[in-house]
Protein backbone atom coordinates (compact mmCIF):
# COMPACT_ATOMS: atom_id res chain seq x y z
CA UNK A 1 -16.09 12.22 9.27
CA UNK A 2 -13.22 11.24 7.18
CA UNK A 3 -13.48 8.32 4.84
CA UNK A 4 -11.79 6.18 2.18
CA UNK A 5 -13.00 8.71 -0.39
CA UNK A 6 -11.60 11.56 1.16
CA UNK A 7 -8.06 9.92 1.64
CA UNK A 8 -8.24 8.80 -2.25
CA UNK A 9 -8.89 12.74 -2.97
CA UNK A 10 -5.65 13.63 -1.24
CA UNK A 11 -3.52 10.45 -2.68
CA UNK A 12 -4.66 10.05 -6.12
CA UNK A 13 -1.78 8.74 -8.17
CA UNK A 14 -0.06 7.44 -5.41
CA UNK A 15 1.09 4.50 -7.21
CA UNK A 16 2.44 6.13 -10.05
CA UNK A 17 4.73 8.47 -7.68
CA UNK A 18 5.59 5.30 -5.92
CA UNK A 19 6.89 3.54 -9.03
CA UNK A 20 8.87 6.80 -10.29
CA UNK A 21 10.57 7.28 -6.93
CA UNK A 22 13.11 4.75 -7.54
CA UNK A 23 13.57 5.88 -11.23
CA UNK A 24 16.67 7.60 -10.09
CA UNK A 25 18.39 4.78 -8.86
CA UNK A 26 21.88 4.26 -10.43
CA UNK A 27 20.99 1.36 -13.35
CA UNK A 28 22.79 -2.08 -12.52
CA UNK A 29 26.29 -2.45 -14.33
CA UNK A 30 25.53 -4.38 -17.34
CA UNK A 31 29.17 -5.69 -17.51
CA UNK A 32 28.98 -7.36 -14.25
CA UNK A 33 27.01 -10.67 -13.09
CA UNK A 34 23.88 -12.04 -15.13
CA UNK A 35 22.36 -10.01 -17.77
CA UNK A 36 19.39 -8.73 -15.99
CA UNK A 37 18.12 -7.32 -19.27
CA UNK A 38 17.84 -10.34 -20.74
CA UNK A 39 16.79 -12.80 -18.03
CA UNK A 40 13.75 -14.90 -18.95
CA UNK A 41 10.53 -14.01 -17.10
CA UNK A 42 10.20 -15.53 -13.70
CA UNK A 43 6.91 -14.60 -12.48
CA UNK A 44 3.99 -12.99 -13.17
CA UNK A 45 2.28 -10.89 -10.78
CA UNK A 46 -1.26 -9.64 -10.97
CA UNK A 47 -2.40 -6.23 -9.67
CA UNK A 48 -6.21 -6.29 -9.38
CA UNK A 49 -8.50 -3.51 -10.17
CA UNK A 50 -9.39 -2.86 -6.59
CA UNK A 51 -5.70 -2.16 -5.83
CA UNK A 52 -5.55 0.48 -8.75
CA UNK A 53 -8.55 1.88 -7.75
CA UNK A 54 -7.59 2.17 -4.21
CA UNK A 55 -4.22 4.11 -5.26
CA UNK A 56 -6.21 6.27 -7.82
CA UNK A 57 -4.64 4.69 -10.66
CA UNK A 58 -6.18 2.69 -13.84
CA UNK A 59 -4.31 -0.87 -15.44
CA UNK A 60 -3.49 1.39 -18.63
CA UNK A 61 -1.86 4.25 -16.39
CA UNK A 62 0.11 1.94 -14.15
CA UNK A 63 1.23 -0.14 -17.05
CA UNK A 64 3.02 3.03 -18.52
CA UNK A 65 4.43 3.67 -15.37
CA UNK A 66 6.07 0.17 -14.85
CA UNK A 67 7.32 0.22 -18.46
CA UNK A 68 9.07 3.72 -17.73
CA UNK A 69 10.29 2.53 -14.36
CA UNK A 70 12.18 -0.66 -16.04
CA UNK A 71 13.02 0.86 -19.16
CA UNK A 72 10.57 -1.31 -20.54
CA UNK A 73 11.93 -4.68 -19.26
CA UNK A 74 8.67 -5.15 -17.29
CA UNK A 75 6.10 -6.55 -19.35
CA UNK A 76 2.61 -6.00 -18.75
CA UNK A 77 -0.61 -6.79 -19.82
CA UNK A 78 -4.16 -5.20 -19.40
CA UNK A 79 -6.96 -7.81 -18.58
CA UNK A 80 -10.69 -7.37 -19.28
CA UNK A 81 -11.54 -6.96 -15.76
CA UNK A 82 -9.20 -3.79 -15.47
CA UNK A 83 -6.37 -5.69 -13.54
CA UNK A 84 -2.66 -5.62 -14.70
CA UNK A 85 -0.47 -8.14 -15.12
CA UNK A 86 3.31 -7.70 -14.68
CA UNK A 87 5.86 -10.34 -15.91
CA UNK A 88 9.09 -9.87 -14.19
CA UNK A 89 12.55 -11.80 -13.86
CA UNK A 90 14.03 -12.21 -10.21
CA UNK A 91 16.00 -9.05 -10.93
CA UNK A 92 12.73 -6.82 -11.20
CA UNK A 93 10.99 -8.92 -8.79
CA UNK A 94 13.47 -7.90 -5.98
CA UNK A 95 13.61 -4.26 -7.16
CA UNK A 96 9.89 -3.99 -6.68
CA UNK A 97 10.04 -5.87 -3.22
CA UNK A 98 12.58 -3.54 -1.84
CA UNK A 99 10.80 -0.18 -3.31
CA UNK A 100 7.54 -1.48 -1.36
CA UNK A 101 9.59 -2.57 1.89
CA UNK A 102 11.05 0.90 1.63
CA UNK A 103 7.55 2.25 1.42
CA UNK A 104 6.42 0.25 4.44
CA UNK A 105 8.99 1.52 6.61
CA UNK A 106 8.66 5.22 5.56
CA UNK A 107 4.89 5.03 5.99
CA UNK A 108 5.29 3.47 9.48
CA UNK A 109 8.02 6.08 10.33
CA UNK A 110 5.88 8.97 9.20
CA UNK A 111 2.81 7.91 10.75
CA UNK A 112 4.30 6.92 13.98
CA UNK A 113 5.85 10.67 14.06
CA UNK A 114 2.41 12.29 14.36
CA UNK A 115 1.63 13.71 17.78
CA UNK A 116 -1.52 11.75 18.03
CA UNK A 117 0.06 8.39 17.28
CA UNK A 118 1.17 6.40 20.02
CA UNK A 119 1.85 3.26 18.19
CA UNK A 120 1.67 1.62 14.79
CA UNK A 121 1.88 -2.35 14.39
CA UNK A 122 1.81 -4.22 11.19
CA UNK A 123 1.20 -8.13 11.05
CA UNK A 124 3.75 -10.18 9.70
CA UNK A 125 1.59 -11.08 6.57
CA UNK A 126 1.00 -7.34 6.11
CA UNK A 127 -2.93 -8.25 6.11
CA UNK A 128 -3.56 -6.11 9.29
CA UNK A 129 -2.91 -3.00 10.79
CA UNK A 130 -3.61 -1.72 14.38
CA UNK A 131 -3.19 2.12 15.07
CA UNK A 132 -3.21 3.36 18.64
CA UNK A 133 -4.06 7.02 18.81
CA UNK A 134 -5.28 9.97 20.96
CA UNK A 135 -8.67 11.54 19.81
CA UNK A 136 -6.87 14.35 17.76
CA UNK A 137 -5.90 11.84 15.18
CA UNK A 138 -9.59 12.11 13.95
CA UNK A 139 -9.33 16.15 13.24
CA UNK A 140 -7.34 15.64 10.05
CA UNK A 141 -7.08 13.28 7.03
CA UNK A 142 -3.92 11.20 7.47
CA UNK A 143 -2.89 9.96 4.10
CA UNK A 144 0.28 8.11 5.84
CA UNK A 145 -2.41 5.39 7.02
CA UNK A 146 -3.62 4.88 3.47
CA UNK A 147 -0.01 4.73 2.09
CA UNK A 148 0.66 2.22 4.70
CA UNK A 149 -2.39 0.14 3.74
CA UNK A 150 -1.06 0.25 0.21
CA UNK A 151 2.46 -0.72 0.81
CA UNK A 152 1.08 -3.85 2.99
CA UNK A 153 -1.23 -4.68 0.05
CA UNK A 154 1.35 -4.91 -2.60
CA UNK A 155 3.47 -6.57 -0.17
CA UNK A 156 0.70 -9.37 -0.10
CA UNK A 157 0.21 -9.50 -3.82
CA UNK A 158 4.26 -9.86 -4.24
CA UNK A 159 4.18 -12.85 -1.64
CA UNK A 160 5.05 -15.92 -3.93
CA UNK A 161 4.19 -18.18 -0.62
CA UNK A 162 0.60 -16.72 -0.52
CA UNK A 163 -2.65 -17.20 -2.34
CA UNK A 164 -2.91 -13.13 -2.65
CA UNK A 165 -2.60 -13.39 -6.42
CA UNK A 166 -5.23 -11.30 -7.51
CA UNK A 167 -6.49 -10.57 -4.45
CA UNK A 168 -5.69 -8.34 -1.20
CA UNK A 169 -7.12 -7.34 2.16
CA UNK A 170 -5.88 -5.17 5.07
CA UNK A 171 -7.78 -5.13 8.30
CA UNK A 172 -7.42 -1.65 9.99
CA UNK A 173 -8.05 -1.04 13.56
CA UNK A 174 -7.98 2.28 15.38
CA UNK A 175 -7.61 2.15 19.28
CA UNK A 176 -7.77 4.96 21.86
CA UNK A 177 -4.54 5.33 23.51
CA UNK A 178 -5.92 6.31 27.05
CA UNK A 179 -8.57 3.54 27.08
CA UNK A 180 -7.82 0.80 24.58
CA UNK A 181 -11.34 1.23 23.44
CA UNK A 182 -11.60 0.22 19.55
CA UNK A 183 -12.76 3.19 17.83
CA UNK A 184 -13.08 2.07 14.39
CA UNK A 185 -12.48 -1.16 12.45
CA UNK A 186 -12.27 -1.93 8.50
CA UNK A 187 -11.02 -4.30 5.74
CA UNK A 188 -9.87 -2.44 3.05
CA UNK A 189 -10.52 -1.89 0.18
CA UNK A 190 -14.00 -3.49 0.73
CA UNK A 191 -15.12 -1.57 3.71
CA UNK A 192 -15.20 2.10 4.26
CA UNK A 193 -13.02 3.08 7.46
CA UNK A 194 -14.40 6.25 8.81
CA UNK A 195 -14.01 8.05 11.89
CA UNK A 196 -14.65 11.60 13.53
CA UNK A 197 -13.94 13.19 16.96
CA UNK A 198 -17.61 12.50 17.72
CA UNK A 199 -17.35 8.90 16.88
CA UNK A 200 -14.29 8.55 18.48
CA UNK A 201 -15.87 10.02 22.09
CA UNK A 202 -18.89 7.82 21.53
CA UNK A 203 -16.70 4.49 21.23
CA UNK A 204 -14.50 5.64 24.51
CA UNK A 205 -17.51 6.16 26.25
CA UNK A 206 -19.35 3.27 25.42
CA UNK A 207 -16.53 1.05 26.50
CA UNK A 208 -16.27 3.04 29.91
């Protein structure tokens, strides 16, 4: 049976890898347009401890990653509850949002490319994911699903028009491709999303 802990064992440090993946992008031309390096802070973003733990990180480790990623232009503060605050300009907010939107797209493409997956749907608010798949999906731990959830969660935290600051939740539903039966449902990170070939077959039989 696959659980959240099994997926995390495979994807520990994912946040650090994601924050580093754009580090090789060309830096903006400091001689053109507004000076993005000296803009005043426009926004404070809170990354809760629950998100850091979900991605196998700590506030101290993530703070170092964001400092490296931005050449020190993203200021951070580690809070007593284990969460991390980011202080960003419009420029760096845009960079972070682009990075996580790209990661969302890559995770959707990668998950959808699996022979076991028929379709993947993400809600407009990134608070729900539905995966329609064949029973063989239960035969292996698919980190693409948890990377998709991580991208959804961070995009919630980045949304200035929502009340997700300091909080996040993604409901994941697995559906059997042939019958449409619900195989598993859980709201991450609070719940354990667990499933196996046996539980899959039981869910399909119960819905027949």
